[in-house]
Protein backbone atom coordinates (compact mmCIF):
# COMPACT_ATOMS: atom_id res chain seq x y z
CA MET A 1 0.00 0.00 0.00
CA LYS A 2 1.25 3.48 -0.86
CA LYS A 3 2.18 5.92 1.84
CA ILE A 4 -0.33 8.78 2.08
CA ARG A 5 1.04 12.27 1.71
CA THR A 6 -0.16 14.49 4.54
CA SER A 7 1.48 17.81 3.68
CA ASN A 8 -0.19 20.32 1.39
CA LEU A 9 0.94 20.67 -2.20
CA THR A 10 3.07 23.62 -3.25
CA LYS A 11 2.00 26.11 -5.89
CA TYR A 12 4.57 24.53 -8.21
CA GLU A 13 3.06 21.06 -7.68
CA LEU A 14 -0.43 22.45 -8.35
CA GLU A 15 0.87 23.90 -11.62
CA ILE A 16 2.30 20.49 -12.58
CA ILE A 17 -1.08 18.87 -11.86
CA ASP A 18 -2.82 21.63 -13.83
CA ASN A 19 -0.61 21.08 -16.89
CA TYR A 20 -0.98 17.30 -16.67
CA ALA A 21 -4.78 17.58 -16.38
CA ARG A 22 -4.95 19.92 -19.38
CA VAL A 23 -3.09 17.38 -21.49
CA TYR A 24 -4.57 14.10 -20.24
CA GLY A 25 -8.08 15.07 -19.13
CA SER A 26 -10.54 13.70 -21.70
CA LEU A 27 -13.43 11.32 -22.26
CA ALA A 28 -10.91 8.51 -21.85
CA ASN A 29 -9.68 10.04 -18.59
CA THR A 30 -12.47 12.09 -17.02
CA ALA A 31 -10.65 11.98 -13.68
CA GLY A 32 -8.25 14.52 -15.18
CA LEU A 33 -11.11 16.86 -16.04
CA GLU A 34 -12.51 16.54 -12.53
CA VAL A 35 -9.10 17.39 -11.09
CA LEU A 36 -8.88 20.38 -13.44
CA LEU A 37 -12.29 21.63 -12.29
CA ALA A 38 -11.24 21.20 -8.65
CA LEU A 39 -8.07 23.22 -9.25
CA TYR A 40 -10.03 26.14 -10.68
CA THR A 41 -13.02 26.10 -8.33
CA GLY A 42 -12.01 24.40 -5.08
CA MET A 43 -15.12 22.21 -5.31
CA ARG A 44 -15.44 19.07 -3.19
CA PHE A 45 -15.33 15.64 -4.81
CA LYS A 46 -19.00 15.02 -4.02
CA GLU A 47 -19.97 18.34 -5.62
CA ILE A 48 -17.97 17.61 -8.77
CA SER A 49 -19.04 13.99 -9.15
CA GLY A 50 -22.69 14.95 -8.73
CA LEU A 51 -22.71 17.59 -11.47
CA THR A 52 -25.15 17.15 -14.31
CA TRP A 53 -25.08 18.98 -17.62
CA GLU A 54 -27.94 21.14 -16.35
CA ASP A 55 -25.51 22.50 -13.73
CA ILE A 56 -22.99 23.61 -16.37
CA ASP A 57 -23.56 27.02 -17.97
CA LEU A 58 -21.29 26.99 -21.02
CA VAL A 59 -22.48 30.45 -22.10
CA ASN A 60 -21.74 32.25 -18.82
CA ASN A 61 -18.76 30.06 -17.80
CA SER A 62 -20.19 28.95 -14.49
CA VAL A 63 -21.18 25.87 -12.52
CA ARG A 64 -24.18 25.59 -10.24
CA ILE A 65 -23.86 23.68 -6.99
CA VAL A 66 -27.11 22.70 -5.31
CA SER A 67 -27.14 21.61 -1.68
CA LYS A 68 -29.90 21.04 0.83
CA VAL A 69 -29.61 24.62 2.09
CA SER A 70 -28.46 26.70 -0.87
CA THR A 71 -27.63 27.04 -4.53
CA LYS A 72 -24.30 28.59 -5.52
CA LYS A 73 -23.10 29.73 -8.91
CA ILE A 74 -19.33 29.44 -9.28
CA PRO A 75 -17.45 31.19 -12.09
CA VAL A 76 -15.11 28.89 -14.01
CA ASP A 77 -12.12 29.69 -16.19
CA SER A 78 -13.02 29.68 -19.90
CA MET A 79 -10.30 27.09 -20.68
CA VAL A 80 -11.91 24.64 -18.24
CA MET A 81 -15.33 25.32 -19.75
CA PHE A 82 -13.92 24.68 -23.22
CA LYS A 83 -12.64 21.30 -22.00
CA LEU A 84 -16.09 20.51 -20.55
CA GLU A 85 -17.75 21.49 -23.83
CA ASP A 86 -15.41 19.10 -25.67
CA LEU A 87 -16.28 16.37 -23.16
CA LYS A 88 -19.99 16.87 -23.80
CA LYS A 89 -19.47 16.53 -27.57
CA GLU A 90 -17.28 13.43 -27.15
CA GLN A 91 -19.85 11.84 -24.82
CA ARG A 92 -22.66 12.34 -27.33
CA ILE A 93 -20.58 10.76 -30.10
CA ASN A 94 -19.63 7.86 -27.82
CA TYR A 95 -23.26 7.33 -26.71
CA ALA A 96 -24.46 7.28 -30.33
CA LYS A 97 -21.67 4.91 -31.35
CA HIS A 98 -22.70 2.40 -28.67
CA GLY A 99 -26.45 3.01 -28.80
CA TYR A 100 -26.31 4.10 -25.17
CA VAL A 101 -29.01 6.20 -23.60
CA PRO A 102 -27.81 7.45 -20.22
CA GLU A 103 -30.21 7.10 -17.31
CA THR A 104 -28.71 10.23 -15.79
CA ASN A 105 -27.12 13.31 -17.23
CA TYR A 106 -23.93 13.30 -15.16
CA VAL A 107 -21.08 15.37 -16.56
CA PHE A 108 -18.29 12.99 -15.65
CA ILE A 109 -19.05 9.72 -17.41
CA ASN A 110 -16.08 8.16 -19.20
CA LYS A 111 -16.01 6.24 -22.49
CA ARG A 112 -16.80 3.00 -20.64
CA MET A 113 -19.94 4.68 -19.25
CA HIS A 114 -18.56 4.78 -15.69
CA ARG A 115 -18.24 7.62 -13.20
CA PRO A 116 -14.72 8.12 -11.83
CA THR A 117 -14.19 7.39 -8.15
CA VAL A 118 -12.24 9.49 -5.68
CA VAL A 119 -9.54 6.80 -5.85
CA SER A 120 -9.18 7.32 -9.61
CA LEU A 121 -8.79 11.07 -9.05
CA GLU A 122 -6.17 10.46 -6.38
CA LYS A 123 -4.30 8.11 -8.73
CA PHE A 124 -4.42 10.79 -11.42
CA ILE A 125 -3.01 13.39 -9.00
CA SER A 126 -0.23 11.03 -7.85
CA ASP A 127 0.61 10.07 -11.44
CA SER A 128 0.81 13.71 -12.48
CA LEU A 129 3.40 14.32 -9.77
CA ASN A 130 5.18 11.06 -10.60
CA THR A 131 5.18 10.09 -6.94
CA ASN A 132 4.80 6.76 -5.23
CA GLN A 133 2.85 8.48 -2.45
CA ARG A 134 -0.93 8.56 -2.53
CA VAL A 135 -2.06 12.18 -2.76
CA LEU A 136 -5.58 12.50 -1.42
CA PHE A 137 -8.14 14.59 -3.28
CA ARG A 138 -8.70 16.39 0.00
CA THR A 139 -5.01 17.36 0.03
CA LEU A 140 -5.40 18.90 -3.43
CA ARG A 141 -8.48 20.84 -2.35
CA ASP A 142 -6.89 22.04 0.91
CA SER A 143 -3.81 23.16 -1.03
CA VAL A 144 -5.88 25.17 -3.49
CA LYS A 145 -7.80 26.77 -0.62
CA GLU A 146 -4.58 27.62 1.24
CA ILE A 147 -2.99 29.27 -1.78
CA ASP A 148 -6.03 31.09 -3.14
CA GLY A 149 -8.15 31.61 -0.05
CA HIS A 150 -11.29 29.78 1.02
CA GLU A 151 -13.97 32.01 -0.49
CA ASN A 152 -12.05 33.39 -3.45
CA ILE A 153 -10.65 30.38 -5.25
CA LYS A 154 -9.35 31.19 -8.70
CA ARG A 155 -6.76 29.99 -11.15
CA VAL A 156 -3.56 28.62 -9.60
C-alpha cells in the first residue's frame, strides 16, 4: 500500500497537476477533467461527481452547486469550460456509437460509461506528480484553498 502524503501541495506542484490535467483530461480520462475543475473552483469531490449537464452554464462560464440549504453559482475559467464542452461533444458521439441512452445526465461519465471514483482522481493526481505516495483529493483541495483563499478560489 502506498504511503499517504499528509502535507499540502506547493503552488509549483499544483501547476504540474494543472498542466498534466490539461493534457490528459478527456473522455478517456475524465478523472483529469474533474481534477482540473477542482483546481479552478475548489469544489469538493462530491460536488464535482454529482454535477449534471444542467448545472454547467457553457455560455456564462459557471457551474451551479445545489445543496440542501443553498444554490451557488461558481465562475469557471473559460479554458476549463472549453474542455467541458469538448467532453460533452465526445460523450454524445460515444453514446451514439454504442447506442447508449444514459439514465442520468452526469457530466463525468467516461467512455466505458462509468463515473470516476475518488480513488481514480487520487491516482491521477499522484501520477501527475510522478510520486509513489498517494495524494488525497482532500489534500489537493486544501492546497488550493490555502494558496487562493477559502472564499475566493481562482486559477492557480
